[in-house]
């Protein structure tokens, strides 16, 4: 069934998914978000096929981006029940909500490069955002406790790592523990930013003045000035944002572990 406009994937899934043993999405991460929202706590499981630019969810679940390879792996794979995040408007996400650097990376990826190079366009946008290192004032509320900090980026994460586990956000972040995790990054210089990135690649999360973590169930993200935001690679209107965890709300088809 083909979607015709934003929101149509939600309607299709809501009206037709109950007839089937599984639902496959072939499109961008926005399509995945709509279907997850429609089927939360109900099922059937969702098989994510990469048909967009970033394909953040497919890459994180280690699903091959070639549908011809992905479909048999998913049909013969496992079913996993995972937490989802929920935005203030009711939309769900699987991976995380980001404010600052990662959202800027997505918003500034040139359209012509996305058409030509796909995911690499975001690498170019990310390079530009890191060099600029735009700082903002963050007021983060986690389960009623307020934290004020200077930051370049904040990610409210459900998964602890992305891109086939290449880049990790923090230690002990689980996608089935009924919690989300706020990861605040505050590099003072380009050197700090590169050092933090290298530590994330190496999964080294020893104490660092440029890193701050808090786990919880309910989050409020406010910034001065207004900052761009993204959820699972899809741009949002920006801050302020309200985010909460929806425990074990999402059912996915995933490849069997080696």
Protein backbone atom coordinates (compact mmCIF):
# COMPACT_ATOMS: atom_id res chain seq x y z
CA UNK A 1 0.00 0.00 0.00
CA UNK A 2 1.48 3.35 -1.05
CA UNK A 3 1.43 6.38 1.23
CA UNK A 4 0.12 9.59 -0.29
CA UNK A 5 0.93 12.26 2.34
CA UNK A 6 2.44 12.70 5.81
CA UNK A 7 0.33 10.78 8.32
CA UNK A 8 -1.02 8.32 5.75
CA UNK A 9 1.27 5.49 6.92
CA UNK A 10 -0.32 5.80 10.39
CA UNK A 11 -3.79 5.47 8.88
CA UNK A 12 -2.86 2.49 6.69
CA UNK A 13 -1.26 0.64 9.60
CA UNK A 14 -4.13 1.40 11.96
CA UNK A 15 -6.78 0.22 9.50
CA UNK A 16 -5.11 -2.80 7.93
CA UNK A 17 -2.29 -4.21 10.10
CA UNK A 18 -4.60 -6.45 12.14
CA UNK A 19 -5.16 -8.60 9.02
CA UNK A 20 -1.49 -9.58 8.78
CA UNK A 21 1.23 -11.44 10.69
CA UNK A 22 3.76 -8.66 10.08
CA UNK A 23 3.98 -5.18 8.57
CA UNK A 24 6.94 -4.05 6.45
CA UNK A 25 7.78 -0.40 5.91
CA UNK A 26 9.74 0.64 2.82
CA UNK A 27 10.57 4.33 3.10
CA UNK A 28 12.26 6.81 5.39
CA UNK A 29 12.43 6.93 9.16
CA UNK A 30 9.35 9.16 9.23
CA UNK A 31 7.30 6.29 7.79
CA UNK A 32 8.67 3.97 10.47
CA UNK A 33 7.70 6.46 13.20
CA UNK A 34 4.13 6.68 11.91
CA UNK A 35 3.69 2.90 11.79
CA UNK A 36 5.23 2.44 15.25
CA UNK A 37 2.78 4.97 16.63
CA UNK A 38 -0.18 3.23 15.04
CA UNK A 39 0.80 -0.24 16.25
CA UNK A 40 2.21 0.55 19.72
CA UNK A 41 1.19 -2.15 22.23
CA UNK A 42 -0.92 -3.85 19.55
CA UNK A 43 1.34 -5.31 16.89
CA UNK A 44 1.86 -7.08 14.59
CA UNK A 45 5.67 -6.77 14.47
CA UNK A 46 7.25 -4.26 12.11
CA UNK A 47 9.97 -5.14 9.61
CA UNK A 48 11.92 -2.02 8.68
CA UNK A 49 13.22 -1.82 5.11
CA UNK A 50 15.57 1.04 4.25
CA UNK A 51 14.06 3.27 1.59
CA UNK A 52 15.02 6.74 2.84
CA UNK A 53 18.15 8.85 3.09
CA UNK A 54 19.39 8.16 6.61
CA UNK A 55 17.64 4.86 7.47
CA UNK A 56 18.62 5.36 11.11
CA UNK A 57 16.27 2.67 12.46
CA UNK A 58 17.29 0.02 9.91
CA UNK A 59 20.99 0.70 10.45
CA UNK A 60 20.62 0.57 14.24
CA UNK A 61 18.70 -2.73 14.12
CA UNK A 62 21.42 -4.10 11.79
CA UNK A 63 19.00 -4.66 8.95
CA UNK A 64 20.64 -4.72 5.49
CA UNK A 65 19.64 -1.71 3.39
CA UNK A 66 19.04 -3.89 0.33
CA UNK A 67 15.42 -5.11 0.68
CA UNK A 68 16.20 -8.27 -1.29
CA UNK A 69 18.64 -9.24 1.47
CA UNK A 70 16.64 -7.82 4.36
CA UNK A 71 13.27 -9.49 3.75
CA UNK A 72 14.38 -13.15 4.07
CA UNK A 73 16.56 -12.27 7.08
CA UNK A 74 13.60 -10.66 8.84
CA UNK A 75 11.10 -13.38 7.91
CA UNK A 76 13.49 -15.96 9.33
CA UNK A 77 14.69 -13.75 12.18
CA UNK A 78 13.48 -12.97 15.67
CA UNK A 79 10.70 -10.84 17.12
CA UNK A 80 11.86 -8.26 19.68
CA UNK A 81 9.69 -6.14 21.98
CA UNK A 82 11.36 -2.82 22.78
CA UNK A 83 10.64 0.43 24.58
CA UNK A 84 9.62 3.39 22.46
CA UNK A 85 9.95 7.09 23.16
CA UNK A 86 6.87 9.29 22.97
CA UNK A 87 6.82 12.96 22.02
CA UNK A 88 4.41 15.45 23.52
CA UNK A 89 2.19 15.25 20.42
CA UNK A 90 1.88 11.46 20.76
CA UNK A 91 4.33 10.44 18.04
CA UNK A 92 6.65 7.56 18.89
CA UNK A 93 10.32 7.03 18.08
CA UNK A 94 12.66 4.07 18.43
CA UNK A 95 16.23 5.42 18.64
CA UNK A 96 16.24 8.88 20.20
CA UNK A 97 15.44 12.59 20.09
CA UNK A 98 18.33 14.96 19.46
CA UNK A 99 18.67 18.72 19.92
CA UNK A 100 21.58 20.77 18.66
CA UNK A 101 24.45 19.31 16.67
CA UNK A 102 22.77 16.19 15.23
CA UNK A 103 19.58 18.05 14.30
CA UNK A 104 21.68 20.77 12.64
CA UNK A 105 23.53 18.06 10.74
CA UNK A 106 20.24 16.79 9.30
CA UNK A 107 18.73 20.20 8.61
CA UNK A 108 21.82 21.46 6.80
CA UNK A 109 22.45 18.43 4.61
CA UNK A 110 22.12 19.84 1.06
CA UNK A 111 19.12 18.38 -0.82
CA UNK A 112 21.14 17.88 -4.00
CA UNK A 113 23.76 15.89 -2.05
CA UNK A 114 21.08 13.78 -0.35
CA UNK A 115 19.72 12.85 -3.78
CA UNK A 116 23.19 12.00 -5.06
CA UNK A 117 25.05 10.58 -2.07
CA UNK A 118 22.32 9.60 0.41
CA UNK A 119 23.63 9.14 3.96
CA UNK A 120 27.00 10.75 3.16
CA UNK A 121 25.19 14.08 2.80
CA UNK A 122 24.61 13.96 6.56
CA UNK A 123 28.31 13.40 7.14
CA UNK A 124 28.97 16.66 5.30
CA UNK A 125 26.31 18.45 7.38
CA UNK A 126 27.78 16.98 10.55
CA UNK A 127 31.28 18.15 9.66
CA UNK A 128 30.00 21.70 9.21
CA UNK A 129 28.06 21.57 12.50
CA UNK A 130 31.07 20.27 14.48
CA UNK A 131 33.30 23.01 13.10
CA UNK A 132 30.77 25.67 14.11
CA UNK A 133 30.16 24.09 17.57
CA UNK A 134 27.11 26.23 18.32
CA UNK A 135 26.49 26.38 22.08
CA UNK A 136 23.14 26.92 23.77
CA UNK A 137 21.78 27.15 27.29
CA UNK A 138 20.00 23.95 28.27
CA UNK A 139 17.32 23.57 30.92
CA UNK A 140 16.77 19.82 31.25
CA UNK A 141 14.05 18.43 33.51
CA UNK A 142 14.23 14.69 34.29
CA UNK A 143 11.42 13.22 36.38
CA UNK A 144 10.87 16.62 37.98
CA UNK A 145 14.51 17.48 38.73
CA UNK A 146 15.96 20.44 36.81
CA UNK A 147 19.52 20.62 35.45
CA UNK A 148 20.91 23.82 33.88
CA UNK A 149 23.94 23.46 31.63
CA UNK A 150 25.69 24.84 28.58
CA UNK A 151 25.59 22.34 25.72
CA UNK A 152 26.25 21.75 22.04
CA UNK A 153 23.94 18.75 21.82
CA UNK A 154 21.55 16.66 23.86
CA UNK A 155 20.21 13.25 22.91
CA UNK A 156 17.35 11.59 24.79
CA UNK A 157 18.29 8.07 23.79
CA UNK A 158 16.48 4.74 23.81
CA UNK A 159 19.30 2.85 22.08
CA UNK A 160 22.87 3.04 23.34
CA UNK A 161 24.54 2.89 19.93
CA UNK A 162 23.81 3.51 16.25
CA UNK A 163 25.27 2.73 12.81
CA UNK A 164 25.72 -0.98 13.44
CA UNK A 165 27.13 -0.27 16.91
CA UNK A 166 29.86 1.96 15.47
CA UNK A 167 29.04 4.99 17.63
CA UNK A 168 27.90 4.55 21.25
CA UNK A 169 26.22 7.31 23.25
CA UNK A 170 26.79 6.14 26.80
CA UNK A 171 27.25 3.22 29.15
CA UNK A 172 24.37 1.00 30.27
CA UNK A 173 21.73 2.40 27.89
CA UNK A 174 19.19 -0.37 27.23
CA UNK A 175 16.18 -0.33 24.91
CA UNK A 176 14.00 -2.56 27.07
CA UNK A 177 14.46 -1.27 30.63
CA UNK A 178 11.54 1.18 30.80
CA UNK A 179 13.89 4.19 30.81
CA UNK A 180 15.28 6.78 28.42
CA UNK A 181 18.70 8.38 28.84
CA UNK A 182 19.61 12.05 28.44
CA UNK A 183 23.14 12.39 27.04
CA UNK A 184 24.44 15.98 27.12
CA UNK A 185 27.56 16.89 25.14
CA UNK A 186 29.38 20.13 25.97
CA UNK A 187 32.70 20.40 24.07
CA UNK A 188 34.54 23.70 24.54
CA UNK A 189 36.59 23.35 21.36
CA UNK A 190 37.03 21.36 18.17
CA UNK A 191 39.62 19.27 19.99
CA UNK A 192 37.07 18.44 22.72
CA UNK A 193 34.51 17.46 20.08
CA UNK A 194 36.95 15.15 18.30
CA UNK A 195 38.07 13.65 21.62
CA UNK A 196 34.47 12.92 22.63
CA UNK A 197 33.71 11.36 19.24
CA UNK A 198 36.77 9.13 19.54
CA UNK A 199 35.69 8.07 23.03
CA UNK A 200 32.21 7.24 21.70
CA UNK A 201 33.71 5.08 18.96
CA UNK A 202 35.92 3.34 21.56
CA UNK A 203 32.97 3.09 24.02
CA UNK A 204 35.01 4.83 26.71
CA UNK A 205 32.60 6.50 29.13
CA UNK A 206 34.79 7.27 32.09
CA UNK A 207 33.96 10.64 33.77
CA UNK A 208 34.49 13.67 31.53
CA UNK A 209 33.71 17.36 32.08
CA UNK A 210 32.19 17.49 28.58
CA UNK A 211 29.69 14.65 29.18
CA UNK A 212 26.59 14.54 31.40
CA UNK A 213 24.05 11.70 31.72
CA UNK A 214 20.68 11.26 33.41
CA UNK A 215 18.19 8.43 32.99
CA UNK A 216 14.48 8.66 33.67
CA UNK A 217 10.95 8.32 32.37
CA UNK A 218 9.84 11.90 31.68
CA UNK A 219 11.95 14.67 30.12
CA UNK A 220 11.51 18.32 29.28
CA UNK A 221 14.11 19.96 27.02
CA UNK A 222 14.20 23.78 26.91
CA UNK A 223 16.92 25.85 25.28
CA UNK A 224 18.03 29.44 24.84
CA UNK A 225 17.97 30.19 21.96
CA UNK A 226 15.40 28.00 20.17
CA UNK A 227 17.22 24.99 18.67
CA UNK A 228 16.42 22.51 15.90
CA UNK A 229 15.47 18.97 16.91
CA UNK A 230 15.12 15.55 15.32
CA UNK A 231 13.61 12.17 16.22
CA UNK A 232 15.05 9.07 14.54
CA UNK A 233 16.45 11.30 11.79
CA UNK A 234 13.18 13.18 11.15
CA UNK A 235 13.20 16.93 11.76
CA UNK A 236 10.87 18.32 14.44
CA UNK A 237 9.69 21.93 14.97
CA UNK A 238 12.43 22.30 17.61
CA UNK A 239 12.61 23.17 21.29
CA UNK A 240 10.97 23.11 23.75
CA UNK A 241 10.26 19.37 23.75
CA UNK A 242 8.48 16.96 26.07
CA UNK A 243 9.59 13.31 25.85
CA UNK A 244 8.57 10.21 27.81
CA UNK A 245 9.20 6.49 27.65
CA UNK A 246 6.51 4.07 26.47
CA UNK A 247 7.73 0.76 27.96
CA UNK A 248 7.79 -2.29 25.68
CA UNK A 249 5.47 -0.58 23.19
CA UNK A 250 7.19 -1.58 19.95
CA UNK A 251 7.41 -4.98 18.29
CA UNK A 252 10.08 -5.47 15.59
CA UNK A 253 11.35 -8.17 13.30
CA UNK A 254 15.14 -8.31 13.60
CA UNK A 255 17.84 -10.55 12.06
CA UNK A 256 18.95 -13.46 14.20
CA UNK A 257 22.12 -12.76 16.12
CA UNK A 258 25.25 -14.45 14.82
